[in-house]
Structures are given as C-alpha cells and as structure tokens.
Amino acid sequence: MIVNKNINPERDLYYLGGKVIEVLNSSKNQEFDYFELFVDVNKIDKISLNLYSLVLDWLFILGAINKGNKGVIKKCF
C-alpha cells in the first residue's frame, strides 16, 4: 500500500522513496548496482529486500529512475 494511516510512516513508499532518492542524489554517479544501492539505503534506514523492490517500482513509475544497460539502476534527475 502506498499510504495508510494505520502503519508507521517509515514503511510508506513515499518516505522510503525519499530515502532512496537521498542516496542517489548524494552520489555523482548516474548508474547504480541494484544490491549496492540496497546496502547504501540500509545504512540510512533498515528496509527489507521486498520493500526495497516495491520502492524502486514506485520510483520507476514516477520517472525518477530507469533501467540502464546490464540491469543497472539509472537516476533520471
């Protein structure tokens, strides 16, 4: 679920998407490995791999990230 008042806001896709964007924005790189980005996000906020995948789906739908060559994650900002 994207937003639900009955759960912790730290588990919402909006909040976690902001954390992923924060990690992407702090680097000058344009492309990121899926698992390396997962490790970097986990340093800021503990997140499961399933929830991380949902957050990346959300950011892809928004157009904030895209799939690069060889399966890397490419930031679009």
PDB file of N, CA and C in Angstrom:
ATOM      1  N   MET A   1       0.836  -1.174   0.000  1.00  0.00           N
ATOM      2  CA  MET A   1       0.000   0.000   0.000  1.00  0.00           C
ATOM      3  C   MET A   1       0.884   1.241   0.000  1.00  0.00           C
ATOM      4  N   ILE A   2       0.497   2.225  -0.736  1.00  0.00           N
ATOM      5  CA  ILE A   2       1.290   3.443  -0.839  1.00  0.00           C
ATOM      6  C   ILE A   2       1.168   4.284   0.425  1.00  0.00           C
ATOM      7  N   VAL A   3      -0.046   4.611   0.829  1.00  0.00           N
ATOM      8  CA  VAL A   3      -0.250   5.404   2.039  1.00  0.00           C
ATOM      9  C   VAL A   3      -1.366   4.753   2.845  1.00  0.00           C
ATOM     10  N   ASN A   4      -1.105   4.589   4.133  1.00  0.00           N
ATOM     11  CA  ASN A   4      -2.106   4.024   5.017  1.00  0.00           C
ATOM     12  C   ASN A   4      -1.887   4.621   6.396  1.00  0.00           C
ATOM     13  N   LYS A   5      -2.894   5.184   6.989  1.00  0.00           N
ATOM     14  CA  LYS A   5      -2.737   5.837   8.287  1.00  0.00           C
ATOM     15  C   LYS A   5      -2.550   4.842   9.424  1.00  0.00           C
ATOM     16  N   ASN A   6      -2.750   3.564   9.174  1.00  0.00           N
ATOM     17  CA  ASN A   6      -2.654   2.565  10.224  1.00  0.00           C
ATOM     18  C   ASN A   6      -1.260   1.944  10.357  1.00  0.00           C
ATOM     19  N   ILE A   7      -0.323   2.337   9.537  1.00  0.00           N
ATOM     20  CA  ILE A   7       1.030   1.787   9.633  1.00  0.00           C
ATOM     21  C   ILE A   7       2.023   2.897   9.933  1.00  0.00           C
ATOM     22  N   ASN A   8       3.232   2.523  10.253  1.00  0.00           N
ATOM     23  CA  ASN A   8       4.282   3.503  10.517  1.00  0.00           C
ATOM     24  C   ASN A   8       4.636   4.245   9.240  1.00  0.00           C
ATOM     25  N   PRO A   9       4.807   5.545   9.312  1.00  0.00           N
ATOM     26  CA  PRO A   9       5.178   6.296   8.101  1.00  0.00           C
ATOM     27  C   PRO A   9       6.553   5.900   7.570  1.00  0.00           C
ATOM     28  N   GLU A  10       7.409   5.309   8.422  1.00  0.00           N
ATOM     29  CA  GLU A  10       8.741   4.884   7.981  1.00  0.00           C
ATOM     30  C   GLU A  10       8.667   3.710   7.008  1.00  0.00           C
ATOM     31  N   ARG A  11       7.511   3.091   6.873  1.00  0.00           N
ATOM     32  CA  ARG A  11       7.331   1.961   5.956  1.00  0.00           C
ATOM     33  C   ARG A  11       6.545   2.354   4.714  1.00  0.00           C
ATOM     34  N   ASP A  12       6.155   3.606   4.580  1.00  0.00           N
ATOM     35  CA  ASP A  12       5.437   4.072   3.391  1.00  0.00           C
ATOM     36  C   ASP A  12       6.389   4.203   2.218  1.00  0.00           C
ATOM     37  N   LEU A  13       5.870   3.956   1.025  1.00  0.00           N
ATOM     38  CA  LEU A  13       6.691   4.078  -0.177  1.00  0.00           C
ATOM     39  C   LEU A  13       7.159   5.512  -0.387  1.00  0.00           C
ATOM     40  N   TYR A  14       6.341   6.488  -0.002  1.00  0.00           N
ATOM     41  CA  TYR A  14       6.741   7.892  -0.146  1.00  0.00           C
ATOM     42  C   TYR A  14       8.003   8.170   0.670  1.00  0.00           C
ATOM     43  N   TYR A  15       7.994   7.774   1.924  1.00  0.00           N
ATOM     44  CA  TYR A  15       9.124   8.022   2.821  1.00  0.00           C
ATOM     45  C   TYR A  15      10.372   7.282   2.345  1.00  0.00           C
ATOM     46  N   LEU A  16      10.223   5.994   2.065  1.00  0.00           N
ATOM     47  CA  LEU A  16      11.377   5.202   1.652  1.00  0.00           C
ATOM     48  C   LEU A  16      11.881   5.611   0.269  1.00  0.00           C
ATOM     49  N   GLY A  17      10.967   6.027  -0.595  1.00  0.00           N
ATOM     50  CA  GLY A  17      11.387   6.550  -1.894  1.00  0.00           C
ATOM     51  C   GLY A  17      12.243   7.790  -1.734  1.00  0.00           C
ATOM     52  N   GLY A  18      11.887   8.621  -0.762  1.00  0.00           N
ATOM     53  CA  GLY A  18      12.694   9.799  -0.462  1.00  0.00           C
ATOM     54  C   GLY A  18      14.081   9.418   0.027  1.00  0.00           C
ATOM     55  N   LYS A  19      14.173   8.354   0.811  1.00  0.00           N
ATOM     56  CA  LYS A  19      15.477   7.883   1.296  1.00  0.00           C
ATOM     57  C   LYS A  19      16.331   7.354   0.144  1.00  0.00           C
ATOM     58  N   VAL A  20      15.723   6.637  -0.785  1.00  0.00           N
ATOM     59  CA  VAL A  20      16.466   6.138  -1.946  1.00  0.00           C
ATOM     60  C   VAL A  20      16.926   7.315  -2.805  1.00  0.00           C
ATOM     61  N   ILE A  21      16.054   8.292  -3.020  1.00  0.00           N
ATOM     62  CA  ILE A  21      16.444   9.476  -3.784  1.00  0.00           C
ATOM     63  C   ILE A  21      17.566  10.223  -3.080  1.00  0.00           C
ATOM     64  N   GLU A  22      17.541  10.269  -1.764  1.00  0.00           N
ATOM     65  CA  GLU A  22      18.611  10.907  -0.992  1.00  0.00           C
ATOM     66  C   GLU A  22      19.953  10.226  -1.260  1.00  0.00           C
ATOM     67  N   VAL A  23      19.963   8.891  -1.292  1.00  0.00           N
ATOM     68  CA  VAL A  23      21.191   8.146  -1.582  1.00  0.00           C
ATOM     69  C   VAL A  23      21.624   8.391  -3.029  1.00  0.00           C
ATOM     70  N   LEU A  24      20.684   8.357  -3.956  1.00  0.00           N
ATOM     71  CA  LEU A  24      21.016   8.596  -5.365  1.00  0.00           C
ATOM     72  C   LEU A  24      21.549  10.009  -5.577  1.00  0.00           C
ATOM     73  N   ASN A  25      20.948  10.965  -4.910  1.00  0.00           N
ATOM     74  CA  ASN A  25      21.319  12.358  -5.069  1.00  0.00           C
ATOM     75  C   ASN A  25      22.679  12.672  -4.451  1.00  0.00           C
ATOM     76  N   SER A  26      23.076  11.917  -3.434  1.00  0.00           N
ATOM     77  CA  SER A  26      24.345  12.179  -2.758  1.00  0.00           C
ATOM     78  C   SER A  26      25.546  11.685  -3.561  1.00  0.00           C
ATOM     79  N   SER A  27      25.292  10.937  -4.623  1.00  0.00           N
ATOM     80  CA  SER A  27      26.371  10.416  -5.458  1.00  0.00           C
ATOM     81  C   SER A  27      26.403  11.117  -6.807  1.00  0.00           C
ATOM     82  N   LYS A  28      27.593  11.271  -7.333  1.00  0.00           N
ATOM     83  CA  LYS A  28      27.727  11.870  -8.662  1.00  0.00           C
ATOM     84  C   LYS A  28      27.509  10.844  -9.770  1.00  0.00           C
ATOM     85  N   ASN A  29      27.469   9.571  -9.398  1.00  0.00           N
ATOM     86  CA  ASN A  29      27.231   8.509 -10.376  1.00  0.00           C
ATOM     87  C   ASN A  29      25.833   8.627 -10.957  1.00  0.00           C
ATOM     88  N   GLN A  30      25.692   8.185 -12.177  1.00  0.00           N
ATOM     89  CA  GLN A  30      24.379   8.160 -12.825  1.00  0.00           C
ATOM     90  C   GLN A  30      23.780   6.762 -12.822  1.00  0.00           C
ATOM     91  N   GLU A  31      24.624   5.733 -12.631  1.00  0.00           N
ATOM     92  CA  GLU A  31      24.160   4.359 -12.643  1.00  0.00           C
ATOM     93  C   GLU A  31      24.568   3.665 -11.347  1.00  0.00           C
ATOM     94  N   PHE A  32      23.693   2.780 -10.863  1.00  0.00           N
ATOM     95  CA  PHE A  32      23.911   2.113  -9.586  1.00  0.00           C
ATOM     96  C   PHE A  32      23.569   0.644  -9.717  1.00  0.00           C
ATOM     97  N   ASP A  33      24.348  -0.194  -9.061  1.00  0.00           N
ATOM     98  CA  ASP A  33      24.056  -1.609  -8.976  1.00  0.00           C
ATOM     99  C   ASP A  33      22.898  -1.814  -8.005  1.00  0.00           C
ATOM    100  N   TYR A  34      22.025  -2.736  -8.309  1.00  0.00           N
ATOM    101  CA  TYR A  34      20.817  -2.998  -7.514  1.00  0.00           C
ATOM    102  C   TYR A  34      21.175  -3.287  -6.052  1.00  0.00           C
ATOM    103  N   PHE A  35      22.091  -4.212  -5.818  1.00  0.00           N
ATOM    104  CA  PHE A  35      22.409  -4.611  -4.449  1.00  0.00           C
ATOM    105  C   PHE A  35      23.308  -3.610  -3.727  1.00  0.00           C
ATOM    106  N   GLU A  36      24.175  -2.925  -4.457  1.00  0.00           N
ATOM    107  CA  GLU A  36      24.994  -1.884  -3.823  1.00  0.00           C
ATOM    108  C   GLU A  36      24.115  -0.730  -3.337  1.00  0.00           C
ATOM    109  N   LEU A  37      23.116  -0.374  -4.128  1.00  0.00           N
ATOM    110  CA  LEU A  37      22.174   0.657  -3.709  1.00  0.00           C
ATOM    111  C   LEU A  37      21.368   0.186  -2.503  1.00  0.00           C
ATOM    112  N   PHE A  38      20.991  -1.082  -2.491  1.00  0.00           N
ATOM    113  CA  PHE A  38      20.273  -1.658  -1.353  1.00  0.00           C
ATOM    114  C   PHE A  38      21.099  -1.541  -0.075  1.00  0.00           C
ATOM    115  N   VAL A  39      22.378  -1.842  -0.145  1.00  0.00           N
ATOM    116  CA  VAL A  39      23.262  -1.733   1.020  1.00  0.00           C
ATOM    117  C   VAL A  39      23.366  -0.285   1.476  1.00  0.00           C
ATOM    118  N   ASP A  40      23.497   0.641   0.530  1.00  0.00           N
ATOM    119  CA  ASP A  40      23.594   2.069   0.877  1.00  0.00           C
ATOM    120  C   ASP A  40      22.312   2.578   1.538  1.00  0.00           C
ATOM    121  N   VAL A  41      21.165   2.148   1.047  1.00  0.00           N
ATOM    122  CA  VAL A  41      19.898   2.558   1.636  1.00  0.00           C
ATOM    123  C   VAL A  41      19.763   1.967   3.034  1.00  0.00           C
ATOM    124  N   ASN A  42      20.212   0.734   3.220  1.00  0.00           N
ATOM    125  CA  ASN A  42      20.132   0.092   4.534  1.00  0.00           C
ATOM    126  C   ASN A  42      21.015   0.762   5.568  1.00  0.00           C
ATOM    127  N   LYS A  43      22.035   1.474   5.147  1.00  0.00           N
ATOM    128  CA  LYS A  43      22.866   2.225   6.082  1.00  0.00           C
ATOM    129  C   LYS A  43      22.081   3.387   6.683  1.00  0.00           C
ATOM    130  N   ILE A  44      21.139   3.940   5.924  1.00  0.00           N
ATOM    131  CA  ILE A  44      20.322   5.062   6.384  1.00  0.00           C
ATOM    132  C   ILE A  44      19.088   4.568   7.127  1.00  0.00           C
ATOM    133  N   ASP A  45      18.397   3.603   6.544  1.00  0.00           N
ATOM    134  CA  ASP A  45      17.140   3.117   7.107  1.00  0.00           C
ATOM    135  C   ASP A  45      17.024   1.629   6.787  1.00  0.00           C
ATOM    136  N   LYS A  46      16.837   0.816   7.800  1.00  0.00           N
ATOM    137  CA  LYS A  46      16.689  -0.630   7.585  1.00  0.00           C
ATOM    138  C   LYS A  46      15.426  -0.896   6.780  1.00  0.00           C
ATOM    139  N   ILE A  47      15.589  -1.695   5.723  1.00  0.00           N
ATOM    140  CA  ILE A  47      14.492  -1.981   4.809  1.00  0.00           C
ATOM    141  C   ILE A  47      14.665  -3.409   4.298  1.00  0.00           C
ATOM    142  N   SER A  48      13.573  -4.116   4.114  1.00  0.00           N
ATOM    143  CA  SER A  48      13.650  -5.471   3.576  1.00  0.00           C
ATOM    144  C   SER A  48      13.859  -5.400   2.067  1.00  0.00           C
ATOM    145  N   LEU A  49      14.335  -6.494   1.517  1.00  0.00           N
ATOM    146  CA  LEU A  49      14.561  -6.549   0.072  1.00  0.00           C
ATOM    147  C   LEU A  49      13.243  -6.441  -0.696  1.00  0.00           C
ATOM    148  N   ASN A  50      12.178  -7.026  -0.160  1.00  0.00           N
ATOM    149  CA  ASN A  50      10.863  -6.933  -0.814  1.00  0.00           C
ATOM    150  C   ASN A  50      10.354  -5.501  -0.841  1.00  0.00           C
ATOM    151  N   LEU A  51      10.463  -4.816   0.282  1.00  0.00           N
ATOM    152  CA  LEU A  51      10.009  -3.423   0.343  1.00  0.00           C
ATOM    153  C   LEU A  51      10.881  -2.536  -0.533  1.00  0.00           C
ATOM    154  N   TYR A  52      12.185  -2.810  -0.567  1.00  0.00           N
ATOM    155  CA  TYR A  52      13.113  -2.077  -1.439  1.00  0.00           C
ATOM    156  C   TYR A  52      12.693  -2.214  -2.902  1.00  0.00           C
ATOM    157  N   SER A  53      12.317  -3.409  -3.310  1.00  0.00           N
ATOM    158  CA  SER A  53      11.864  -3.630  -4.690  1.00  0.00           C
ATOM    159  C   SER A  53      10.599  -2.838  -4.990  1.00  0.00           C
ATOM    160  N   LEU A  54       9.677  -2.799  -4.039  1.00  0.00           N
ATOM    161  CA  LEU A  54       8.450  -2.004  -4.225  1.00  0.00           C
ATOM    162  C   LEU A  54       8.771  -0.517  -4.347  1.00  0.00           C
ATOM    163  N   VAL A  55       9.723  -0.040  -3.556  1.00  0.00           N
ATOM    164  CA  VAL A  55      10.125   1.368  -3.616  1.00  0.00           C
ATOM    165  C   VAL A  55      10.727   1.680  -4.981  1.00  0.00           C
ATOM    166  N   LEU A  56      11.562   0.778  -5.492  1.00  0.00           N
ATOM    167  CA  LEU A  56      12.140   1.003  -6.821  1.00  0.00           C
ATOM    168  C   LEU A  56      11.061   1.000  -7.900  1.00  0.00           C
ATOM    169  N   ASP A  57      10.064   0.127  -7.763  1.00  0.00           N
ATOM    170  CA  ASP A  57       8.930   0.139  -8.696  1.00  0.00           C
ATOM    171  C   ASP A  57       8.213   1.483  -8.655  1.00  0.00           C
ATOM    172  N   TRP A  58       7.988   1.983  -7.466  1.00  0.00           N
ATOM    173  CA  TRP A  58       7.326   3.277  -7.275  1.00  0.00           C
ATOM    174  C   TRP A  58       8.133   4.390  -7.939  1.00  0.00           C
ATOM    175  N   LEU A  59       9.450   4.400  -7.718  1.00  0.00           N
ATOM    176  CA  LEU A  59      10.301   5.440  -8.307  1.00  0.00           C
ATOM    177  C   LEU A  59      10.358   5.314  -9.826  1.00  0.00           C
ATOM    178  N   PHE A  60      10.288   4.088 -10.339  1.00  0.00           N
ATOM    179  CA  PHE A  60      10.254   3.881 -11.788  1.00  0.00           C
ATOM    180  C   PHE A  60       8.970   4.436 -12.380  1.00  0.00           C
ATOM    181  N   ILE A  61       7.850   4.183 -11.720  1.00  0.00           N
ATOM    182  CA  ILE A  61       6.554   4.695 -12.189  1.00  0.00           C
ATOM    183  C   ILE A  61       6.563   6.221 -12.205  1.00  0.00           C
ATOM    184  N   LEU A  62       7.197   6.821 -11.194  1.00  0.00           N
ATOM    185  CA  LEU A  62       7.279   8.287 -11.126  1.00  0.00           C
ATOM    186  C   LEU A  62       8.241   8.878 -12.148  1.00  0.00           C
ATOM    187  N   GLY A  63       9.129   8.047 -12.691  1.00  0.00           N
ATOM    188  CA  GLY A  63      10.108   8.532 -13.650  1.00  0.00           C
ATOM    189  C   GLY A  63      11.394   9.026 -13.006  1.00  0.00           C
ATOM    190  N   ALA A  64      11.591   8.727 -11.722  1.00  0.00           N
ATOM    191  CA  ALA A  64      12.801   9.164 -11.020  1.00  0.00           C
ATOM    192  C   ALA A  64      13.991   8.273 -11.326  1.00  0.00           C
ATOM    193  N   ILE A  65      13.713   7.006 -11.670  1.00  0.00           N
ATOM    194  CA  ILE A  65      14.778   6.077 -12.046  1.00  0.00           C
ATOM    195  C   ILE A  65      14.363   5.344 -13.311  1.00  0.00           C
ATOM    196  N   ASN A  66      15.346   4.729 -13.947  1.00  0.00           N
ATOM    197  CA  ASN A  66      15.099   3.958 -15.149  1.00  0.00           C
ATOM    198  C   ASN A  66      16.050   2.786 -15.157  1.00  0.00           C
ATOM    199  N   LYS A  67      15.795   1.817 -15.994  1.00  0.00           N
ATOM    200  CA  LYS A  67      16.679   0.664 -16.134  1.00  0.00           C
ATOM    201  C   LYS A  67      17.753   0.996 -17.161  1.00  0.00           C
ATOM    202  N   GLY A  68      19.009   0.859 -16.750  1.00  0.00           N
ATOM    203  CA  GLY A  68      20.125   1.096 -17.654  1.00  0.00           C
ATOM    204  C   GLY A  68      20.601  -0.197 -18.295  1.00  0.00           C
ATOM    205  N   ASN A  69      21.717  -0.121 -18.980  1.00  0.00           N
ATOM    206  CA  ASN A  69      22.312  -1.302 -19.597  1.00  0.00           C
ATOM    207  C   ASN A  69      22.769  -2.283 -18.529  1.00  0.00           C
ATOM    208  N   LYS A  70      22.660  -3.562 -18.830  1.00  0.00           N
ATOM    209  CA  LYS A  70      23.080  -4.653 -17.946  1.00  0.00           C
ATOM    210  C   LYS A  70      22.351  -4.638 -16.610  1.00  0.00           C
ATOM    211  N   GLY A  71      21.136  -4.109 -16.572  1.00  0.00           N
ATOM    212  CA  GLY A  71      20.308  -4.171 -15.381  1.00  0.00           C
ATOM    213  C   GLY A  71      20.612  -3.190 -14.277  1.00  0.00           C
ATOM    214  N   VAL A  72      21.444  -2.208 -14.551  1.00  0.00           N
ATOM    215  CA  VAL A  72      21.745  -1.218 -13.505  1.00  0.00           C
ATOM    216  C   VAL A  72      20.581  -0.244 -13.358  1.00  0.00           C
ATOM    217  N   ILE A  73      20.550   0.443 -12.224  1.00  0.00           N
ATOM    218  CA  ILE A  73      19.528   1.456 -11.966  1.00  0.00           C
ATOM    219  C   ILE A  73      20.112   2.803 -12.342  1.00  0.00           C
ATOM    220  N   LYS A  74      19.380   3.513 -13.172  1.00  0.00           N
ATOM    221  CA  LYS A  74      19.847   4.807 -13.681  1.00  0.00           C
ATOM    222  C   LYS A  74      18.970   5.907 -13.119  1.00  0.00           C
ATOM    223  N   LYS A  75      19.596   6.928 -12.507  1.00  0.00           N
ATOM    224  CA  LYS A  75      18.778   8.031 -11.996  1.00  0.00           C
ATOM    225  C   LYS A  75      18.426   8.982 -13.131  1.00  0.00           C
ATOM    226  N   CYS A  76      17.244   9.550 -13.079  1.00  0.00           N
ATOM    227  CA  CYS A  76      16.733  10.415 -14.146  1.00  0.00           C
ATOM    228  C   CYS A  76      16.565  11.858 -13.675  1.00  0.00           C
ATOM    229  N   PHE A  77      17.425  12.283 -12.777  1.00  0.00           N
ATOM    230  CA  PHE A  77      17.360  13.669 -12.303  1.00  0.00           C
ATOM    231  C   PHE A  77      18.746  14.189 -12.096  1.00  0.00           C
TER     232      PHE A  77
END
